Each structure stands twice: as C-alpha cells, then as structure tokens.
Amino acid sequence: MPKHVKSRKLHYGKYLYKATFFNILCYAFSSYRNSSKDRLSFARSVIERLEEQQASHRKMSVEVWRAQKLVSTSEFTEGSNILSLLESHDDWRVRVEMNRYMTIYTSDETLIDGLAQGCGAREIHKPEEGIENFLLLNIDTAVVNKPPEYDYRVYLKGNRVDPSFANWLEANADKSRIGKQSLNNIKHGWISSGNYFYIKNDKVLTMVRMIIGHNIRRVEKMIYKGDIDKYMHASDE
C-alpha cells in the first residue's frame, strides 16, 4: 500500500493530487518520448510489445539507453494499469526522472484513487480535508501549521543567479532565510532550479523582485491553517 501524505498546496500551481512511482517502465511515460498530440503513444507501444513477449512465453524486456532491461510481471502489470488509467482520464501531467522515477499530477480524484490501487504507487498526496476549495481559489499559496515567520517562499529558475545576491541575502538575514546549499549555489553561479528561500513581507519581496525578478520562477504566500476561514470570508465579500 502506498504511503498517504497530506499536501498543503497546489502542485505546479494547478493540481490537487500527486502520486509517485518507481518502475522500470516509467521511462515510457516521459513527455520526451511521447508525441505532443498523443501523450501516451510511446507508452502504449511499449506495453503492447511486452504483451506480445508475454503471449509468446518470452522473458519480458525493454531497451533503455541501448541496454536491455528485464521487466518483472509486477512491473508490467503496474505499468499496464497506469497506462489504462491515464488513457481514460484527461486531467493529468507526468514527470519522469532518471527513467525509473515518475510523478503523476492531477486534480481528478477518481484518477488519483485509481492510481493508489494496483499501480505500485509509493506515495499518494492529497490535501488535508476541508482545504481543497481554498487551494483552488488561492493559487500560489501554501498552508502551514503555525503562524509563519516569513510571508513568502520564493522559488528560483534554473538560470544563473547573480552571485552578488548571495551577499544581499547574508546582509539581510533578518528579512530572509535560505538553506546553506541554495546559498552556496547562488554564490558560485551554479544551477539553482528548484532552490528557494523565504522572505519576510511584501516590502522585502518588492526589493527582491527588483534585484532578481528575472530569476524567480514562482512565489508562494504562506498561510496559517487557522486563518483559512478569514481568507475565505474575505473572498466572499
């Protein structure tokens, strides 16, 4: 059974749910391998070839990076089930890493519940009960357990950030917070994709946008769980 995780923000600013997988067949679902018009064309062809191998009583295998990899019966069954579910639903996005790791994002509860059964999911992420509508109505927010010390979490793009910004962060430690590795990446001009830091308030956020606005991928507002009702009432007025 997969581990169930309570999520507190929309994934990619859009999806309520996500499921994670580890399977030799994950590579077949990559958007790199499938056509833009038919997002499952390659994955379907891989499953069909495996079905032929199984029917002729041959060992099932696939070619990954010019090497033949054996496919177990359980991997084949799980991959086939994932394909079937994705073919019958439209609201999803797939991300594949290192060929074997896959994350499926969706806001379709029927799909996420299906992926939790017989697909070998490692984790199923769903929002805490009662905050789904809040997340959908308040894109780029993240719900936290206690009143946040910092109002915003800023995510960086993959492009190089001016190393001098690391000096700004260190000089303004009372207005921001960043992890050691992320700070080190900025200092040395290394890849910062997915790195993030925290900002105290709107005034400081405006300053940061002026300094590195072109390096910012996304900004999330941190919302205390106990304040959700206030935000919901405000939106109704």
C-alpha atoms as a PDB file:
ATOM      1  CA  MET A   1       0.000   0.000   0.000  1.00  0.00           C
ATOM      2  CA  PRO A   2       1.274   3.485  -0.792  1.00  0.00           C
ATOM      3  CA  LYS A   3       2.168   5.995   1.875  1.00  0.00           C
ATOM      4  CA  HIS A   4      -0.522   8.686   2.141  1.00  0.00           C
ATOM      5  CA  VAL A   5       0.764  12.250   2.510  1.00  0.00           C
ATOM      6  CA  LYS A   6      -1.295  15.352   3.337  1.00  0.00           C
ATOM      7  CA  SER A   7      -0.370  18.123   0.907  1.00  0.00           C
ATOM      8  CA  ARG A   8      -0.945  21.799   1.574  1.00  0.00           C
ATOM      9  CA  LYS A   9      -0.503  23.468  -1.779  1.00  0.00           C
ATOM     10  CA  LEU A  10      -1.326  23.020  -5.440  1.00  0.00           C
ATOM     11  CA  HIS A  11       1.317  21.188  -7.439  1.00  0.00           C
ATOM     12  CA  TYR A  12       2.528  23.299 -10.375  1.00  0.00           C
ATOM     13  CA  GLY A  13       0.002  25.878  -9.187  1.00  0.00           C
ATOM     14  CA  LYS A  14      -2.785  23.708 -10.634  1.00  0.00           C
ATOM     15  CA  TYR A  15      -3.080  20.135  -9.383  1.00  0.00           C
ATOM     16  CA  LEU A  16      -4.583  18.987  -6.079  1.00  0.00           C
ATOM     17  CA  TYR A  17      -3.086  15.499  -6.057  1.00  0.00           C
ATOM     18  CA  LYS A  18       0.074  13.638  -6.962  1.00  0.00           C
ATOM     19  CA  ALA A  19       1.269  10.022  -6.985  1.00  0.00           C
ATOM     20  CA  THR A  20       4.887   8.820  -7.116  1.00  0.00           C
ATOM     21  CA  PHE A  21       6.211   5.597  -8.684  1.00  0.00           C
ATOM     22  CA  PHE A  22       9.432   3.610  -9.102  1.00  0.00           C
ATOM     23  CA  ASN A  23       9.229   1.203 -12.052  1.00  0.00           C
ATOM     24  CA  ILE A  24      11.497   0.238 -14.974  1.00  0.00           C
ATOM     25  CA  LEU A  25       8.621   1.232 -17.278  1.00  0.00           C
ATOM     26  CA  CYS A  26       8.379   4.809 -16.018  1.00  0.00           C
ATOM     27  CA  TYR A  27      10.680   5.945 -18.826  1.00  0.00           C
ATOM     28  CA  ALA A  28       7.957   5.071 -21.357  1.00  0.00           C
ATOM     29  CA  PHE A  29       5.621   7.747 -19.959  1.00  0.00           C
ATOM     30  CA  SER A  30       8.084  10.621 -20.341  1.00  0.00           C
ATOM     31  CA  SER A  31       6.815  13.560 -22.400  1.00  0.00           C
ATOM     32  CA  TYR A  32      10.189  13.442 -24.163  1.00  0.00           C
ATOM     33  CA  ARG A  33       9.300  10.064 -25.683  1.00  0.00           C
ATOM     34  CA  ASN A  34       5.581  10.600 -26.339  1.00  0.00           C
ATOM     35  CA  SER A  35       4.159  12.862 -29.020  1.00  0.00           C
ATOM     36  CA  SER A  36       2.522  16.160 -28.094  1.00  0.00           C
ATOM     37  CA  LYS A  37      -0.707  15.109 -29.846  1.00  0.00           C
ATOM     38  CA  ASP A  38      -0.865  11.671 -28.234  1.00  0.00           C
ATOM     39  CA  ARG A  39       0.712  11.869 -24.803  1.00  0.00           C
ATOM     40  CA  LEU A  40       0.715   8.076 -24.419  1.00  0.00           C
ATOM     41  CA  SER A  41       1.754   6.920 -27.903  1.00  0.00           C
ATOM     42  CA  PHE A  42       5.174   5.566 -26.886  1.00  0.00           C
ATOM     43  CA  ALA A  43       3.999   4.128 -23.564  1.00  0.00           C
ATOM     44  CA  ARG A  44       1.223   2.278 -25.397  1.00  0.00           C
ATOM     45  CA  SER A  45       3.673   0.798 -27.904  1.00  0.00           C
ATOM     46  CA  VAL A  46       5.966  -0.396 -25.098  1.00  0.00           C
ATOM     47  CA  ILE A  47       3.119  -2.118 -23.255  1.00  0.00           C
ATOM     48  CA  GLU A  48       1.921  -3.738 -26.492  1.00  0.00           C
ATOM     49  CA  ARG A  49       5.402  -5.157 -27.209  1.00  0.00           C
ATOM     50  CA  LEU A  50       5.569  -6.557 -23.687  1.00  0.00           C
ATOM     51  CA  GLU A  51       2.155  -8.169 -24.149  1.00  0.00           C
ATOM     52  CA  GLU A  52       3.474  -9.889 -27.291  1.00  0.00           C
ATOM     53  CA  GLN A  53       6.540 -11.146 -25.429  1.00  0.00           C
ATOM     54  CA  GLN A  54       4.390 -12.456 -22.605  1.00  0.00           C
ATOM     55  CA  ALA A  55       1.983 -14.174 -25.011  1.00  0.00           C
ATOM     56  CA  SER A  56       4.860 -15.983 -26.731  1.00  0.00           C
ATOM     57  CA  HIS A  57       6.286 -17.056 -23.352  1.00  0.00           C
ATOM     58  CA  ARG A  58       9.452 -14.993 -23.739  1.00  0.00           C
ATOM     59  CA  LYS A  59      11.125 -13.049 -20.978  1.00  0.00           C
ATOM     60  CA  MET A  60       9.765  -9.517 -20.973  1.00  0.00           C
ATOM     61  CA  SER A  61      12.363  -6.806 -21.560  1.00  0.00           C
ATOM     62  CA  VAL A  62      12.707  -3.233 -22.765  1.00  0.00           C
ATOM     63  CA  GLU A  63      15.590  -1.232 -24.186  1.00  0.00           C
ATOM     64  CA  VAL A  64      16.633   1.698 -22.027  1.00  0.00           C
ATOM     65  CA  TRP A  65      19.652   3.732 -23.097  1.00  0.00           C
ATOM     66  CA  ARG A  66      20.744   0.967 -25.510  1.00  0.00           C
ATOM     67  CA  ALA A  67      20.670  -1.675 -22.788  1.00  0.00           C
ATOM     68  CA  GLN A  68      18.123  -4.461 -22.449  1.00  0.00           C
ATOM     69  CA  LYS A  69      16.359  -4.432 -19.067  1.00  0.00           C
ATOM     70  CA  LEU A  70      14.227  -7.294 -17.809  1.00  0.00           C
ATOM     71  CA  VAL A  71      10.671  -6.407 -16.797  1.00  0.00           C
ATOM     72  CA  SER A  72       9.072  -8.333 -13.951  1.00  0.00           C
ATOM     73  CA  THR A  73       5.451  -9.455 -14.051  1.00  0.00           C
ATOM     74  CA  SER A  74       4.550  -6.975 -11.315  1.00  0.00           C
ATOM     75  CA  GLU A  75       6.243  -4.101 -13.145  1.00  0.00           C
ATOM     76  CA  PHE A  76       4.414  -4.990 -16.335  1.00  0.00           C
ATOM     77  CA  THR A  77       1.047  -5.228 -14.542  1.00  0.00           C
ATOM     78  CA  GLU A  78       1.554  -1.912 -12.749  1.00  0.00           C
ATOM     79  CA  GLY A  79       2.715  -0.149 -15.911  1.00  0.00           C
ATOM     80  CA  SER A  80      -0.238  -1.525 -17.834  1.00  0.00           C
ATOM     81  CA  ASN A  81      -2.659  -0.381 -15.122  1.00  0.00           C
ATOM     82  CA  ILE A  82      -1.151   3.119 -15.122  1.00  0.00           C
ATOM     83  CA  LEU A  83      -1.497   3.318 -18.902  1.00  0.00           C
ATOM     84  CA  SER A  84      -5.120   2.199 -18.767  1.00  0.00           C
ATOM     85  CA  LEU A  85      -5.988   4.797 -16.128  1.00  0.00           C
ATOM     86  CA  LEU A  86      -4.256   7.656 -17.944  1.00  0.00           C
ATOM     87  CA  GLU A  87      -5.958   6.703 -21.202  1.00  0.00           C
ATOM     88  CA  SER A  88      -9.354   7.010 -19.541  1.00  0.00           C
ATOM     89  CA  HIS A  89      -8.685  10.431 -17.951  1.00  0.00           C
ATOM     90  CA  ASP A  90      -7.600  13.782 -19.382  1.00  0.00           C
ATOM     91  CA  ASP A  91      -6.624  15.895 -16.368  1.00  0.00           C
ATOM     92  CA  TRP A  92      -3.036  14.857 -15.603  1.00  0.00           C
ATOM     93  CA  ARG A  93       0.615  15.707 -16.003  1.00  0.00           C
ATOM     94  CA  VAL A  94       3.593  13.335 -15.847  1.00  0.00           C
ATOM     95  CA  ARG A  95       7.151  13.998 -14.768  1.00  0.00           C
ATOM     96  CA  VAL A  96       9.818  11.306 -15.181  1.00  0.00           C
ATOM     97  CA  GLU A  97      13.269  11.475 -13.576  1.00  0.00           C
ATOM     98  CA  MET A  98      16.234   9.155 -14.126  1.00  0.00           C
ATOM     99  CA  ASN A  99      13.949   6.881 -16.201  1.00  0.00           C
ATOM    100  CA  ARG A 100      12.665   4.900 -13.206  1.00  0.00           C
ATOM    101  CA  TYR A 101      11.052   7.626 -11.081  1.00  0.00           C
ATOM    102  CA  MET A 102       7.698   9.083 -12.074  1.00  0.00           C
ATOM    103  CA  THR A 103       5.248  11.549 -10.579  1.00  0.00           C
ATOM    104  CA  ILE A 104       1.701  11.927 -11.860  1.00  0.00           C
ATOM    105  CA  TYR A 105      -0.160  15.150 -11.028  1.00  0.00           C
ATOM    106  CA  THR A 106      -3.928  15.532 -11.307  1.00  0.00           C
ATOM    107  CA  SER A 107      -6.990  17.228  -9.840  1.00  0.00           C
ATOM    108  CA  ASP A 108      -9.171  14.230 -10.752  1.00  0.00           C
ATOM    109  CA  GLU A 109      -9.938  12.381  -7.517  1.00  0.00           C
ATOM    110  CA  THR A 110     -11.155   9.309  -9.402  1.00  0.00           C
ATOM    111  CA  LEU A 111      -7.802   9.068 -11.178  1.00  0.00           C
ATOM    112  CA  ILE A 112      -5.714   9.509  -8.025  1.00  0.00           C
ATOM    113  CA  ASP A 113      -7.781   6.891  -6.204  1.00  0.00           C
ATOM    114  CA  GLY A 114      -7.288   4.525  -9.143  1.00  0.00           C
ATOM    115  CA  LEU A 115      -3.537   5.094  -9.121  1.00  0.00           C
ATOM    116  CA  ALA A 116      -3.491   4.153  -5.436  1.00  0.00           C
ATOM    117  CA  GLN A 117      -4.746   0.656  -6.307  1.00  0.00           C
ATOM    118  CA  GLY A 118      -2.731  -1.913  -8.262  1.00  0.00           C
ATOM    119  CA  CYS A 119      -0.255   0.555  -9.787  1.00  0.00           C
ATOM    120  CA  GLY A 120       2.612   0.246  -7.333  1.00  0.00           C
ATOM    121  CA  ALA A 121       2.355   3.856  -6.146  1.00  0.00           C
ATOM    122  CA  ARG A 122       4.884   4.725  -3.461  1.00  0.00           C
ATOM    123  CA  GLU A 123       3.160   7.874  -2.227  1.00  0.00           C
ATOM    124  CA  ILE A 124      -0.273   9.416  -2.713  1.00  0.00           C
ATOM    125  CA  HIS A 125      -0.518  13.129  -1.911  1.00  0.00           C
ATOM    126  CA  LYS A 126      -3.916  14.655  -1.136  1.00  0.00           C
ATOM    127  CA  PRO A 127      -4.806  17.951   0.551  1.00  0.00           C
ATOM    128  CA  GLU A 128      -5.987  17.921   4.135  1.00  0.00           C
ATOM    129  CA  GLU A 129      -9.742  17.605   4.321  1.00  0.00           C
ATOM    130  CA  GLY A 130     -11.516  20.926   4.044  1.00  0.00           C
ATOM    131  CA  ILE A 131      -8.809  22.982   2.291  1.00  0.00           C
ATOM    132  CA  GLU A 132      -9.300  21.814  -1.308  1.00  0.00           C
ATOM    133  CA  ASN A 133     -11.524  24.740  -2.304  1.00  0.00           C
ATOM    134  CA  PHE A 134      -9.241  27.202  -0.556  1.00  0.00           C
ATOM    135  CA  LEU A 135      -6.239  25.965  -2.536  1.00  0.00           C
ATOM    136  CA  LEU A 136      -8.134  26.074  -5.837  1.00  0.00           C
ATOM    137  CA  LEU A 137      -9.327  29.625  -5.165  1.00  0.00           C
ATOM    138  CA  ASN A 138      -5.952  30.813  -3.856  1.00  0.00           C
ATOM    139  CA  ILE A 139      -3.308  29.724  -6.342  1.00  0.00           C
ATOM    140  CA  ASP A 140       0.332  30.105  -5.247  1.00  0.00           C
ATOM    141  CA  THR A 141      -0.404  29.648  -1.554  1.00  0.00           C
ATOM    142  CA  ALA A 142       0.901  27.054   0.898  1.00  0.00           C
ATOM    143  CA  VAL A 143      -0.912  26.184   4.125  1.00  0.00           C
ATOM    144  CA  VAL A 144       1.297  25.828   7.221  1.00  0.00           C
ATOM    145  CA  ASN A 145       0.641  24.518  10.747  1.00  0.00           C
ATOM    146  CA  LYS A 146       1.616  27.634  12.691  1.00  0.00           C
ATOM    147  CA  PRO A 147       1.712  31.392  12.028  1.00  0.00           C
ATOM    148  CA  PRO A 148       4.625  31.800   9.598  1.00  0.00           C
ATOM    149  CA  GLU A 149       7.699  33.831  10.461  1.00  0.00           C
ATOM    150  CA  TYR A 150       8.061  34.621   6.754  1.00  0.00           C
ATOM    151  CA  ASP A 151       5.162  35.567   4.482  1.00  0.00           C
ATOM    152  CA  TYR A 152       6.587  34.259   1.203  1.00  0.00           C
ATOM    153  CA  ARG A 153       8.580  31.365  -0.228  1.00  0.00           C
ATOM    154  CA  VAL A 154      10.407  32.281  -3.448  1.00  0.00           C
ATOM    155  CA  TYR A 155      11.410  29.582  -5.958  1.00  0.00           C
ATOM    156  CA  LEU A 156      14.273  30.173  -8.392  1.00  0.00           C
ATOM    157  CA  LYS A 157      14.501  29.304 -12.066  1.00  0.00           C
ATOM    158  CA  GLY A 158      17.282  27.127 -13.431  1.00  0.00           C
ATOM    159  CA  ASN A 159      19.249  30.032 -14.859  1.00  0.00           C
ATOM    160  CA  ARG A 160      22.300  31.508 -13.166  1.00  0.00           C
ATOM    161  CA  VAL A 161      21.597  33.960 -10.347  1.00  0.00           C
ATOM    162  CA  ASP A 162      23.944  36.922  -9.930  1.00  0.00           C
ATOM    163  CA  PRO A 163      26.356  35.816  -7.151  1.00  0.00           C
ATOM    164  CA  SER A 164      26.071  39.254  -5.560  1.00  0.00           C
ATOM    165  CA  PHE A 165      22.536  38.327  -4.497  1.00  0.00           C
ATOM    166  CA  ALA A 166      24.100  35.886  -2.019  1.00  0.00           C
ATOM    167  CA  ASN A 167      25.741  38.909  -0.363  1.00  0.00           C
ATOM    168  CA  TRP A 168      22.335  40.609  -0.174  1.00  0.00           C
ATOM    169  CA  LEU A 169      20.798  37.552   1.487  1.00  0.00           C
ATOM    170  CA  GLU A 170      23.577  37.353   4.060  1.00  0.00           C
ATOM    171  CA  ALA A 171      23.368  41.098   4.773  1.00  0.00           C
ATOM    172  CA  ASN A 172      19.587  40.856   5.188  1.00  0.00           C
ATOM    173  CA  ALA A 173      19.329  37.709   7.269  1.00  0.00           C
ATOM    174  CA  ASP A 174      16.707  39.478   9.416  1.00  0.00           C
ATOM    175  CA  LYS A 175      14.452  39.804   6.355  1.00  0.00           C
ATOM    176  CA  SER A 176      15.085  36.460   4.638  1.00  0.00           C
ATOM    177  CA  ARG A 177      16.116  32.850   5.225  1.00  0.00           C
ATOM    178  CA  ILE A 178      17.823  30.430   2.830  1.00  0.00           C
ATOM    179  CA  GLY A 179      19.390  26.980   3.157  1.00  0.00           C
ATOM    180  CA  LYS A 180      23.176  26.591   3.032  1.00  0.00           C
ATOM    181  CA  GLN A 181      23.209  24.610  -0.216  1.00  0.00           C
ATOM    182  CA  SER A 182      20.898  27.033  -2.028  1.00  0.00           C
ATOM    183  CA  LEU A 183      23.013  29.974  -0.840  1.00  0.00           C
ATOM    184  CA  ASN A 184      26.156  28.180  -1.985  1.00  0.00           C
ATOM    185  CA  ASN A 185      24.615  27.554  -5.423  1.00  0.00           C
ATOM    186  CA  ILE A 186      23.954  31.275  -5.829  1.00  0.00           C
ATOM    187  CA  LYS A 187      27.434  32.240  -4.612  1.00  0.00           C
ATOM    188  CA  HIS A 188      29.132  30.039  -7.189  1.00  0.00           C
ATOM    189  CA  GLY A 189      26.707  30.646 -10.040  1.00  0.00           C
ATOM    190  CA  TRP A 190      25.619  27.018 -10.051  1.00  0.00           C
ATOM    191  CA  ILE A 191      22.241  25.669 -11.204  1.00  0.00           C
ATOM    192  CA  SER A 192      19.527  26.830  -8.818  1.00  0.00           C
ATOM    193  CA  SER A 193      16.430  25.195 -10.316  1.00  0.00           C
ATOM    194  CA  GLY A 194      14.041  24.217  -7.517  1.00  0.00           C
ATOM    195  CA  ASN A 195      16.033  26.161  -4.907  1.00  0.00           C
ATOM    196  CA  TYR A 196      14.015  28.503  -2.733  1.00  0.00           C
ATOM    197  CA  PHE A 197      14.274  30.985   0.103  1.00  0.00           C
ATOM    198  CA  TYR A 198      11.893  32.789   2.461  1.00  0.00           C
ATOM    199  CA  ILE A 199      11.035  36.486   2.538  1.00  0.00           C
ATOM    200  CA  LYS A 200       9.656  38.431   5.483  1.00  0.00           C
ATOM    201  CA  ASN A 201       6.910  40.562   3.913  1.00  0.00           C
ATOM    202  CA  ASP A 202       5.584  42.398   0.847  1.00  0.00           C
ATOM    203  CA  LYS A 203       8.065  45.254   1.160  1.00  0.00           C
ATOM    204  CA  VAL A 204      11.048  42.904   1.112  1.00  0.00           C
ATOM    205  CA  LEU A 205       9.507  40.871  -1.705  1.00  0.00           C
ATOM    206  CA  THR A 206       9.290  44.022  -3.819  1.00  0.00           C
ATOM    207  CA  MET A 207      13.002  44.636  -3.217  1.00  0.00           C
ATOM    208  CA  VAL A 208      13.847  41.062  -4.223  1.00  0.00           C
ATOM    209  CA  ARG A 209      11.806  41.348  -7.419  1.00  0.00           C
ATOM    210  CA  MET A 210      13.755  44.483  -8.334  1.00  0.00           C
ATOM    211  CA  ILE A 211      17.078  42.680  -7.793  1.00  0.00           C
ATOM    212  CA  ILE A 212      16.463  39.216  -9.318  1.00  0.00           C
ATOM    213  CA  GLY A 213      12.947  39.332 -10.785  1.00  0.00           C
ATOM    214  CA  HIS A 214      14.046  37.540 -13.964  1.00  0.00           C
ATOM    215  CA  ASN A 215      15.395  34.640 -11.857  1.00  0.00           C
ATOM    216  CA  ILE A 216      12.127  33.990  -9.988  1.00  0.00           C
ATOM    217  CA  ARG A 217      10.044  31.015 -11.064  1.00  0.00           C
ATOM    218  CA  ARG A 218       7.246  31.234  -8.522  1.00  0.00           C
ATOM    219  CA  VAL A 219       6.277  32.961  -5.276  1.00  0.00           C
ATOM    220  CA  GLU A 220       4.130  31.186  -2.694  1.00  0.00           C
ATOM    221  CA  LYS A 221       2.298  33.011   0.068  1.00  0.00           C
ATOM    222  CA  MET A 222       2.453  31.165   3.389  1.00  0.00           C
ATOM    223  CA  ILE A 223      -0.988  30.925   5.023  1.00  0.00           C
ATOM    224  CA  TYR A 224      -1.552  29.769   8.595  1.00  0.00           C
ATOM    225  CA  LYS A 225      -4.094  26.942   8.707  1.00  0.00           C
ATOM    226  CA  GLY A 226      -6.062  28.737  11.419  1.00  0.00           C
ATOM    227  CA  ASP A 227      -6.516  31.790   9.173  1.00  0.00           C
ATOM    228  CA  ILE A 228      -8.102  29.978   6.214  1.00  0.00           C
ATOM    229  CA  ASP A 229     -11.647  30.910   7.259  1.00  0.00           C
ATOM    230  CA  LYS A 230     -10.703  34.604   7.321  1.00  0.00           C
ATOM    231  CA  TYR A 231      -9.388  34.404   3.756  1.00  0.00           C
ATOM    232  CA  MET A 232     -12.453  32.523   2.582  1.00  0.00           C
ATOM    233  CA  HIS A 233     -14.822  35.084   4.142  1.00  0.00           C
ATOM    234  CA  ALA A 234     -12.826  37.936   2.646  1.00  0.00           C
ATOM    235  CA  SER A 235     -13.169  36.436  -0.834  1.00  0.00           C
ATOM    236  CA  ASP A 236     -16.948  36.197  -0.386  1.00  0.00           C
ATOM    237  CA  GLU A 237     -17.334  39.898   0.413  1.00  0.00           C
END
